[in-house]
Structures are given as structure tokens and as C-alpha cells.
Protein backbone atom coordinates (compact mmCIF):
# COMPACT_ATOMS: atom_id res chain seq x y z
CA UNK A 1 129.31 122.39 98.12
CA UNK A 2 127.87 122.23 101.69
CA UNK A 3 127.38 125.29 103.85
CA UNK A 4 130.16 124.28 106.25
CA UNK A 5 132.63 123.86 103.43
CA UNK A 6 131.69 127.38 102.33
CA UNK A 7 132.27 128.59 105.89
CA UNK A 8 135.79 127.15 105.90
CA UNK A 9 136.55 129.08 102.73
CA UNK A 10 135.08 132.28 104.09
CA UNK A 11 136.66 131.91 107.54
CA UNK A 12 140.06 130.28 107.21
CA UNK A 13 141.60 129.09 110.44
CA UNK A 14 143.46 131.93 112.17
CA UNK A 15 145.65 131.90 115.23
CA UNK A 16 144.75 133.79 118.33
CA UNK A 17 146.28 133.90 121.75
CA UNK A 18 145.24 130.86 123.77
CA UNK A 19 142.22 131.60 125.91
CA UNK A 20 141.49 134.90 124.15
CA UNK A 21 137.98 135.11 122.67
CA UNK A 22 137.25 136.67 119.30
CA UNK A 23 135.73 140.15 119.39
CA UNK A 24 131.90 140.12 119.66
CA UNK A 25 131.45 141.95 116.37
CA UNK A 26 133.47 139.33 114.52
CA UNK A 27 131.56 136.52 116.24
CA UNK A 28 128.22 138.09 115.21
CA UNK A 29 129.40 138.48 111.64
CA UNK A 30 130.47 134.86 111.45
CA UNK A 31 127.26 133.63 113.08
CA UNK A 32 125.13 135.68 110.68
CA UNK A 33 126.95 134.35 107.63
CA UNK A 34 126.67 130.76 108.88
CA UNK A 35 122.94 131.25 109.45
CA UNK A 36 122.44 132.54 105.90
CA UNK A 37 124.47 129.68 104.44
CA UNK A 38 122.52 127.07 106.41
CA UNK A 39 119.22 128.59 105.31
CA UNK A 40 120.36 128.69 101.71
CA UNK A 41 121.40 125.06 101.84
CA UNK A 42 118.08 124.06 103.34
CA UNK A 43 116.19 126.07 100.71
CA UNK A 44 118.18 124.52 97.88
CA UNK A 45 117.51 121.05 99.23
CA UNK A 46 113.82 121.82 99.68
CA UNK A 47 113.35 123.21 96.18
CA UNK A 48 114.87 120.24 94.39
CA UNK A 49 111.99 118.23 92.94
CA UNK A 50 111.62 114.90 94.67
CA UNK A 51 112.65 111.93 92.60
CA UNK A 52 109.65 110.40 90.87
CA UNK A 53 109.29 106.75 91.72
CA UNK A 54 109.17 104.54 88.66
CA UNK A 55 106.02 102.59 87.98
CA UNK A 56 106.44 98.99 89.03
CA UNK A 57 107.14 96.70 86.09
CA UNK A 58 103.86 94.99 85.19
CA UNK A 59 103.81 91.20 85.10
CA UNK A 60 103.60 89.43 81.76
CA UNK A 61 100.07 88.08 81.43
CA UNK A 62 99.03 84.85 79.77
CA UNK A 63 96.05 85.32 77.41
CA UNK A 64 94.95 81.78 78.30
CA UNK A 65 94.59 82.60 82.00
CA UNK A 66 91.46 81.01 83.46
CA UNK A 67 88.66 83.56 83.40
CA UNK A 68 90.03 85.39 80.36
CA UNK A 69 88.02 85.25 77.14
CA UNK A 70 88.62 82.44 74.69
CA UNK A 71 90.72 83.83 71.84
CA UNK A 72 92.20 82.64 68.56
CA UNK A 73 96.00 82.56 68.56
CA UNK A 74 97.41 83.89 65.28
CA UNK A 75 100.76 83.11 63.68
CA UNK A 76 103.51 85.47 64.79
CA UNK A 77 103.37 88.63 62.70
CA UNK A 78 99.78 88.10 61.59
CA UNK A 79 96.84 90.35 62.48
CA UNK A 80 93.12 89.48 62.56
CA UNK A 81 91.01 89.59 59.39
CA UNK A 82 89.39 92.98 58.87
CA UNK A 83 85.92 91.46 58.64
CA UNK A 84 86.02 89.17 61.70
CA UNK A 85 84.44 89.83 65.08
CA UNK A 86 85.80 88.21 68.23
CA UNK A 87 88.96 87.78 70.28
CA UNK A 88 92.47 87.32 68.87
CA UNK A 89 96.01 86.92 70.18
CA UNK A 90 98.86 88.33 68.11
CA UNK A 91 102.45 87.16 68.46
CA UNK A 92 105.52 88.92 69.87
CA UNK A 93 106.86 90.31 66.57
CA UNK A 94 105.38 93.69 65.68
CA UNK A 95 106.53 94.90 62.28
CA UNK A 96 104.81 97.95 60.78
CA UNK A 97 101.88 97.32 58.47
CA UNK A 98 102.72 97.90 54.78
CA UNK A 99 100.74 101.14 54.85
CA UNK A 100 102.96 102.41 57.67
CA UNK A 101 106.34 101.09 56.58
CA UNK A 102 107.25 104.69 55.74
CA UNK A 103 105.07 106.49 58.27
CA UNK A 104 107.29 109.58 58.16
CA UNK A 105 106.86 110.03 54.42
CA UNK A 106 105.09 113.23 53.28
CA UNK A 107 101.31 112.98 53.24
CA UNK A 108 99.28 113.40 50.10
CA UNK A 109 96.60 115.13 52.14
CA UNK A 110 97.05 118.34 54.09
CA UNK A 111 97.20 118.99 57.85
CA UNK A 112 95.82 122.16 59.42
CA UNK A 113 96.72 123.03 63.00
CA UNK A 114 95.33 125.57 65.44
CA UNK A 115 95.30 126.18 69.19
CA UNK A 116 92.49 126.59 71.69
CA UNK A 117 92.75 128.50 74.98
CA UNK A 118 91.15 127.41 78.23
CA UNK A 119 89.73 130.88 78.76
CA UNK A 120 87.46 130.31 75.78
CA UNK A 121 85.96 127.04 77.03
CA UNK A 122 82.78 126.84 79.06
CA UNK A 123 83.27 123.10 79.62
CA UNK A 124 86.93 122.96 80.60
CA UNK A 125 88.29 126.27 81.96
CA UNK A 126 91.35 124.43 83.28
CA UNK A 127 92.73 122.63 86.33
CA UNK A 128 96.11 121.14 87.24
CA UNK A 129 97.52 118.99 90.01
CA UNK A 130 100.57 120.39 91.77
CA UNK A 131 103.84 118.90 90.44
CA UNK A 132 105.12 115.73 92.09
CA UNK A 133 101.89 115.16 94.00
CA UNK A 134 99.14 112.60 93.56
CA UNK A 135 96.66 111.75 96.28
CA UNK A 136 95.85 109.23 98.98
CA UNK A 137 93.21 106.51 99.17
CA UNK A 138 90.24 107.33 101.37
CA UNK A 139 90.77 105.28 104.56
CA UNK A 140 87.02 104.61 104.64
CA UNK A 141 86.80 103.55 100.99
CA UNK A 142 89.88 102.32 99.08
CA UNK A 143 88.02 102.90 95.78
CA UNK A 144 88.12 106.67 96.38
CA UNK A 145 91.22 108.84 95.97
CA UNK A 146 91.53 112.02 98.01
CA UNK A 147 93.27 114.70 95.97
CA UNK A 148 94.02 117.98 97.74
CA UNK A 149 96.52 119.57 95.34
CA UNK A 150 94.32 120.18 92.29
CA UNK A 151 93.74 123.85 91.51
CA UNK A 152 92.51 126.08 88.66
CA UNK A 153 95.12 126.54 85.93
CA UNK A 154 95.04 127.81 82.34
CA UNK A 155 96.18 125.76 79.36
CA UNK A 156 96.45 125.82 75.59
CA UNK A 157 95.64 122.80 73.45
CA UNK A 158 96.66 121.97 69.90
CA UNK A 159 94.22 120.62 67.37
CA UNK A 160 95.40 119.00 64.14
CA UNK A 161 93.10 118.22 61.22
CA UNK A 162 93.96 115.87 58.37
CA UNK A 163 92.10 116.54 55.11
CA UNK A 164 92.68 113.94 52.38
CA UNK A 165 93.52 115.14 48.89
CA UNK A 166 90.43 113.22 47.66
CA UNK A 167 88.10 115.45 49.69
CA UNK A 168 85.90 117.61 47.49
CA UNK A 169 85.38 121.06 49.06
CA UNK A 170 81.78 121.72 49.95
CA UNK A 171 80.85 118.07 50.33
CA UNK A 172 79.94 116.43 53.65
CA UNK A 173 82.63 114.07 54.94
CA UNK A 174 82.76 111.31 57.54
CA UNK A 175 85.42 111.76 60.19
CA UNK A 176 87.34 110.18 63.05
CA UNK A 177 88.17 112.25 66.12
CA UNK A 178 90.88 111.33 68.60
CA UNK A 179 92.47 112.32 71.89
CA UNK A 180 96.06 113.16 72.90
CA UNK A 181 96.81 114.71 69.54
CA UNK A 182 98.39 115.37 67.19
CA UNK A 183 98.40 111.71 66.14
CA UNK A 184 100.68 111.57 63.10
CA UNK A 185 100.41 107.79 62.83
CA UNK A 186 96.64 108.04 62.44
CA UNK A 187 97.05 110.62 59.68
CA UNK A 188 99.63 108.46 57.88
CA UNK A 189 97.35 105.42 58.06
CA UNK A 190 94.37 107.37 56.75
CA UNK A 191 96.44 108.84 53.93
CA UNK A 192 97.39 105.39 52.62
CA UNK A 193 94.08 103.63 53.28
CA UNK A 194 92.03 106.33 51.56
CA UNK A 195 94.33 106.25 48.54
CA UNK A 196 93.89 102.46 48.40
CA UNK A 197 90.10 102.86 48.79
CA UNK A 198 90.09 100.65 51.87
CA UNK A 199 88.29 103.23 54.02
CA UNK A 200 85.99 106.13 53.13
CA UNK A 201 87.35 109.55 52.23
CA UNK A 202 87.30 110.95 55.74
CA UNK A 203 88.66 113.82 57.81
CA UNK A 204 90.95 113.02 60.76
CA UNK A 205 90.73 115.26 63.84
CA UNK A 206 93.33 114.94 66.59
CA UNK A 207 92.72 117.03 69.72
CA UNK A 208 95.45 117.70 72.27
CA UNK A 209 94.64 117.31 75.94
CA UNK A 210 94.70 120.08 78.53
CA UNK A 211 97.73 118.75 80.37
CA UNK A 212 98.71 116.42 83.19
CA UNK A 213 97.46 112.90 83.78
CA UNK A 214 95.02 110.99 85.98
CA UNK A 215 93.12 112.29 89.00
CA UNK A 216 93.25 116.01 89.65
CA UNK A 217 94.63 116.88 86.21
CA UNK A 218 92.96 118.53 83.23
CA UNK A 219 93.58 115.48 81.05
CA UNK A 220 92.06 113.23 83.68
CA UNK A 221 89.02 115.47 84.03
CA UNK A 222 88.46 115.46 80.27
CA UNK A 223 89.05 111.77 79.56
CA UNK A 224 88.15 109.83 82.72
CA UNK A 225 84.90 111.56 83.61
CA UNK A 226 81.90 109.30 83.05
CA UNK A 227 79.57 111.84 81.48
CA UNK A 228 78.87 113.54 78.18
CA UNK A 229 80.90 116.65 79.05
CA UNK A 230 83.79 115.89 76.68
CA UNK A 231 81.41 114.97 73.86
CA UNK A 232 79.59 118.28 74.25
CA UNK A 233 82.93 120.09 74.33
CA UNK A 234 83.93 118.44 71.05
CA UNK A 235 80.56 119.04 69.41
CA UNK A 236 80.11 122.68 70.39
CA UNK A 237 83.64 124.05 70.76
CA UNK A 238 85.97 121.96 68.59
CA UNK A 239 84.08 120.78 65.51
CA UNK A 240 82.81 124.23 64.50
CA UNK A 241 86.42 125.48 64.54
CA UNK A 242 87.54 122.45 62.53
CA UNK A 243 84.97 123.18 59.83
CA UNK A 244 85.89 126.86 59.70
CA UNK A 245 89.68 126.53 59.79
CA UNK A 246 90.04 123.43 57.58
CA UNK A 247 87.26 124.44 55.16
CA UNK A 248 85.41 121.12 55.49
CA UNK A 249 81.87 120.01 56.20
CA UNK A 250 81.49 117.20 58.74
CA UNK A 251 78.69 114.68 58.65
CA UNK A 252 75.97 114.52 61.29
CA UNK A 253 75.36 110.84 60.49
CA UNK A 254 76.56 108.74 63.48
CA UNK A 255 77.52 105.93 61.08
CA UNK A 256 80.06 108.33 59.59
CA UNK A 257 81.57 109.39 62.92
CA UNK A 258 84.28 107.49 64.81
CA UNK A 259 86.35 108.06 67.95
CA UNK A 260 89.89 106.87 68.69
CA UNK A 261 92.17 107.03 71.70
CA UNK A 262 94.95 105.50 73.76
CA UNK A 263 94.86 104.76 77.50
CA UNK A 264 92.53 107.33 79.13
CA UNK A 265 91.99 108.72 75.65
CA UNK A 266 90.70 105.25 74.76
CA UNK A 267 88.19 105.15 77.59
CA UNK A 268 87.22 108.67 76.52
CA UNK A 269 86.57 107.37 72.98
CA UNK A 270 84.19 104.80 74.44
CA UNK A 271 82.58 107.36 76.76
CA UNK A 272 81.83 109.65 73.81
CA UNK A 273 79.95 106.92 71.93
CA UNK A 274 78.30 105.42 75.02
CA UNK A 275 76.71 108.65 76.22
CA UNK A 276 75.85 109.84 72.70
CA UNK A 277 75.27 106.88 70.37
CA UNK A 278 73.18 109.17 68.22
CA UNK A 279 76.45 110.95 67.40
CA UNK A 280 79.12 108.19 67.25
CA UNK A 281 78.89 104.56 66.15
CA UNK A 282 82.57 103.55 65.89
CA UNK A 283 85.26 103.31 68.59
CA UNK A 284 88.98 102.37 68.33
CA UNK A 285 90.96 101.88 71.55
CA UNK A 286 94.55 101.00 72.49
CA UNK A 287 95.20 100.02 76.14
CA UNK A 288 91.88 101.44 77.27
CA UNK A 289 91.74 102.82 80.81
CA UNK A 290 88.56 100.95 81.66
CA UNK A 291 89.51 101.18 85.33
CA UNK A 292 88.62 103.24 88.40
CA UNK A 293 90.25 106.58 87.60
CA UNK A 294 87.39 109.09 87.58
CA UNK A 295 87.87 112.23 89.70
CA UNK A 296 86.01 113.96 91.25
CA UNK A 297 84.04 111.03 92.64
CA UNK A 298 80.57 110.58 91.18
CA UNK A 299 78.10 108.36 93.07
CA UNK A 300 76.26 107.61 89.79
CA UNK A 301 79.40 105.86 88.49
CA UNK A 302 81.39 105.23 91.67
CA UNK A 303 84.01 103.04 89.97
CA UNK A 304 84.67 105.28 86.97
CA UNK A 305 85.21 103.50 83.65
CA UNK A 306 85.34 100.15 85.46
CA UNK A 307 81.57 100.61 85.48
CA UNK A 308 81.47 99.84 81.74
CA UNK A 309 82.08 96.13 82.28
CA UNK A 310 80.81 96.01 85.85
CA UNK A 311 77.32 97.49 85.32
CA UNK A 312 76.72 99.74 82.31
CA UNK A 313 77.15 97.33 79.39
CA UNK A 314 75.78 94.20 81.15
CA UNK A 315 72.71 96.04 82.42
CA UNK A 316 71.86 98.00 79.25
CA UNK A 317 70.47 97.08 75.87
CA UNK A 318 73.14 96.85 73.19
CA UNK A 319 73.91 100.17 71.52
CA UNK A 320 74.73 100.59 67.80
CA UNK A 321 78.48 100.84 68.40
CA UNK A 322 81.24 98.91 66.60
CA UNK A 323 84.39 98.60 68.72
CA UNK A 324 88.03 97.65 68.07
CA UNK A 325 90.29 97.41 71.11
CA UNK A 326 93.75 96.17 72.10
CA UNK A 327 95.68 95.43 75.27
CA UNK A 328 99.31 94.38 75.81
CA UNK A 329 100.48 91.39 77.84
CA UNK A 330 102.58 93.79 79.93
CA UNK A 331 99.98 96.52 80.18
CA UNK A 332 99.54 98.55 83.35
CA UNK A 333 98.90 96.83 86.67
CA UNK A 334 98.47 98.80 89.92
CA UNK A 335 100.64 101.69 88.69
CA UNK A 336 99.86 103.98 91.66
CA UNK A 337 98.83 103.91 95.33
CA UNK A 338 95.31 102.67 94.65
CA UNK A 339 94.71 99.07 95.77
CA UNK A 340 91.03 98.64 95.03
CA UNK A 341 91.27 95.65 92.64
CA UNK A 342 90.21 97.99 89.81
CA UNK A 343 93.60 99.07 88.44
CA UNK A 344 94.42 96.15 86.16
CA UNK A 345 94.32 97.21 82.49
CA UNK A 346 94.56 93.67 81.14
CA UNK A 347 91.73 92.36 83.29
CA UNK A 348 89.61 95.40 82.45
CA UNK A 349 90.01 94.79 78.69
CA UNK A 350 89.29 91.08 79.11
CA UNK A 351 86.12 91.92 81.01
CA UNK A 352 85.15 94.42 78.31
CA UNK A 353 85.52 91.73 75.65
CA UNK A 354 83.36 89.34 77.64
CA UNK A 355 80.47 91.75 78.21
CA UNK A 356 80.58 92.98 74.61
CA UNK A 357 80.33 89.38 73.41
CA UNK A 358 77.52 88.62 75.86
CA UNK A 359 75.52 91.56 74.50
CA UNK A 360 76.13 90.74 70.85
CA UNK A 361 78.22 93.77 69.91
CA UNK A 362 80.28 93.89 66.74
CA UNK A 363 83.75 94.09 68.25
CA UNK A 364 87.30 92.88 67.71
CA UNK A 365 89.62 92.43 70.68
CA UNK A 366 93.37 92.02 70.19
CA UNK A 367 95.61 90.69 72.97
CA UNK A 368 99.19 91.56 71.99
CA UNK A 369 102.13 89.50 73.22
CA UNK A 370 105.40 91.30 73.97
CA UNK A 371 103.57 94.61 74.31
CA UNK A 372 103.50 97.39 76.89
CA UNK A 373 100.93 100.09 77.55
CA UNK A 374 100.01 101.83 74.28
CA UNK A 375 102.81 99.98 72.53
CA UNK A 376 104.05 102.01 69.56
CA UNK A 377 105.10 98.98 67.52
CA UNK A 378 101.69 97.35 68.03
CA UNK A 379 99.95 100.53 66.92
CA UNK A 380 102.03 100.64 63.72
CA UNK A 381 101.35 96.94 63.08
CA UNK A 382 97.59 96.99 63.68
CA UNK A 383 96.17 100.46 63.04
CA UNK A 384 95.49 100.14 59.28
CA UNK A 385 93.57 96.88 59.69
CA UNK A 386 91.85 98.21 62.81
CA UNK A 387 90.57 101.16 60.78
CA UNK A 388 89.38 98.83 58.02
CA UNK A 389 87.53 96.71 60.58
CA UNK A 390 85.97 99.82 62.10
CA UNK A 391 84.64 101.17 58.78
CA UNK A 392 83.84 97.90 56.97
CA UNK A 393 80.05 98.36 56.92
CA UNK A 394 79.95 102.10 56.16
CA UNK A 395 78.00 103.39 53.21
CA UNK A 396 77.58 107.11 52.71
CA UNK A 397 73.92 108.15 52.60
């Protein structure tokens, strides 16, 4: 109800002798009430959160676009062989893999969960971007985003640990560690694959993020920063707690350590292995954010994770990293105000595949038709075979 409608209810029309003014006291009372009502209406309007604009619908991309990598088109419903490197196109039908046909079924292994507080972290004490704000491109450099609404803020993160029933207490185990946890699909896939002896008996670690997304947020700071900060956080603050709370011993052998992630969590998975290949040799990525999303700006890597395919991989010797990655034909394309030609997820993944091939990496790249950003059906279809591909050459020392 508007303030003037309220006023009509409070001050019904009354008759008075023509030409006779209302008493001053009554006029003041009515004016005061109208002022309060108008202020209240303005406050209510101002405190309503602005409507979030929807991301523009991405175009459907053709995997045979000139400039994209040459890829083998598979029959609809098929996935690439688990022992084949290279580029593949999967069809529009995405049925769950047999191992995940009953992904909600009880696990044979156990899952231990705990929380971590920002106050206890020396690497990530916590930031947040104010709600319903983002940033603006630097008028002098469209590749930079100016964010003025990020501020210190506490958080709590969940950590979930999957321990297979085949794990023998006291023994050293390989493991896979992932972002944006808990990842129940990962745990379900591991549970089946380990039982079928298709992957090693390994621990799965799924770490929740600190909140928010992209520039100015805690999640963005953790996942999009091109440095070893997140790796050191995992190594020194998370893994010791995992060993203590889940009663497991984790291997130090980089061949027995893998990372996994979706979107920015996927670029984070690559960042962890890139900056510390002596710790991680295996990377699994869905819809990797290999784009320009780092904040704060760092002149050493001015284009954020776009630098992977722009400079870092092409200009460096190949590292001992095996990589599996996927992108959807309707993955993200210019989802925000940035117009720097470095916000195209499909192009970024295509460029990643090209530079990995040029450098002789063991990698498998899957272009998924009829798939959006971090498509849930594609994950359920491909994750078991992706894990087999990732671990195919592992032998415990």
C-alpha cells in the first residue's frame, strides 16, 4: 500500500465550512504523519534488493569452428576410451555412467565432515563483496576490473572426507582433493570404481569454499588467484586436519595426488598442480575458468588464468601433469560487464587443449554437445571414465 493510500485511511475526508482553514495543530499533525509515511515508503523501496539481471544465454558453439582443435566425434551416448589422449566430442544424450546410475545409494565407504573457521587461517582470513554489487572495468584498461565493495568478512567452510572401506588404517593412501565441496558425486564414483578395482584405493577430500563468487569474493580469491597460496593453504591447514579427523595417512608422492574442480574450482585444480608439480601430478576439470578473473590484479599474471594458454604453458617446459578437462557447447560467454575478449569459456578450453597438445602433455579434452556450464548430466556421464583416465598409469611405490 502506498503512503498516500495510508494517508486517506488515516485522514478520511471531512467537511468544513467553505473558506475556513483547519487549525494549525491539526495541519502540523497531518503534515508530520505524511512525512513519516513518505520516508517509510522511500526506505522500504530502498531496502528491497535490486533484481539480479540474468546472465545472457550463451550461444551454442560448434566444435568444428575454424581455429578450434581437431577432435574425434563419438557416437551419441559414448565417452572416450580411458586410455586415449587427445580431443573428443560427445553427443547430446547424457545418461549416467553405470557406476553412477544409483548415485544416491548408500556408500560402502565412510564420510567424515568437519568445519574450518576463517579466524584460524593465516592464508585466507576472509573477504566478501557487498551483496548485489560487482565492479566496473577500468576505463584505461578493459582487462582490469575495479572492485570497491570488497571488505573483510568471516566465514566457515565445510570439509568432507571419503574413506573407502578397502583402506587399511595406518597405511599411506593416494588421494584426490577438490573444490566447492562436498562433492557427493565424486564420492559415489570413487566408491564404485575402487570396489571394481578400476582406480587405486584412495581418499577423497572435498573442501568447501569461503563464499561468494568471482572478483572481490572469498571464493574468487581462493580459486582465481594465480599463485601457490591455495596449495599452501591445503597443504598446511587442511590436510593435517584430514589426517587427524579421518584417521588416515596421505601420500607425499605427487603421482598419488590429484586435484579436481568445476568452473573456478577447475582453474584452481590446475593452479595447484602448475605451481607445485612436486606435489600434484593429476588434474580433472569441468568447465574450467581459464579466463581473466583474477582479483586483485597481479602484474606478473595480468590476465589471470587466461595466462595458462596465452603465456605460461606455451613458454614453459612441459610439467609432469596428466589432465582431463571438459567444456560444454553452451558454456559461459561474456557473463558479466567485462568485454576484454578473455571471458569465453569455450575458447579458453579450446586454447588449453591446443597448447597442451603442442607441449606433448598427456591430456584428454571432451567437448560436450547439449551441455551448459558445469553440466550435471555430463558430470554423471563422464566422471567415472575421467577418473580412470586420470589414474591409468599409477603404481603405488
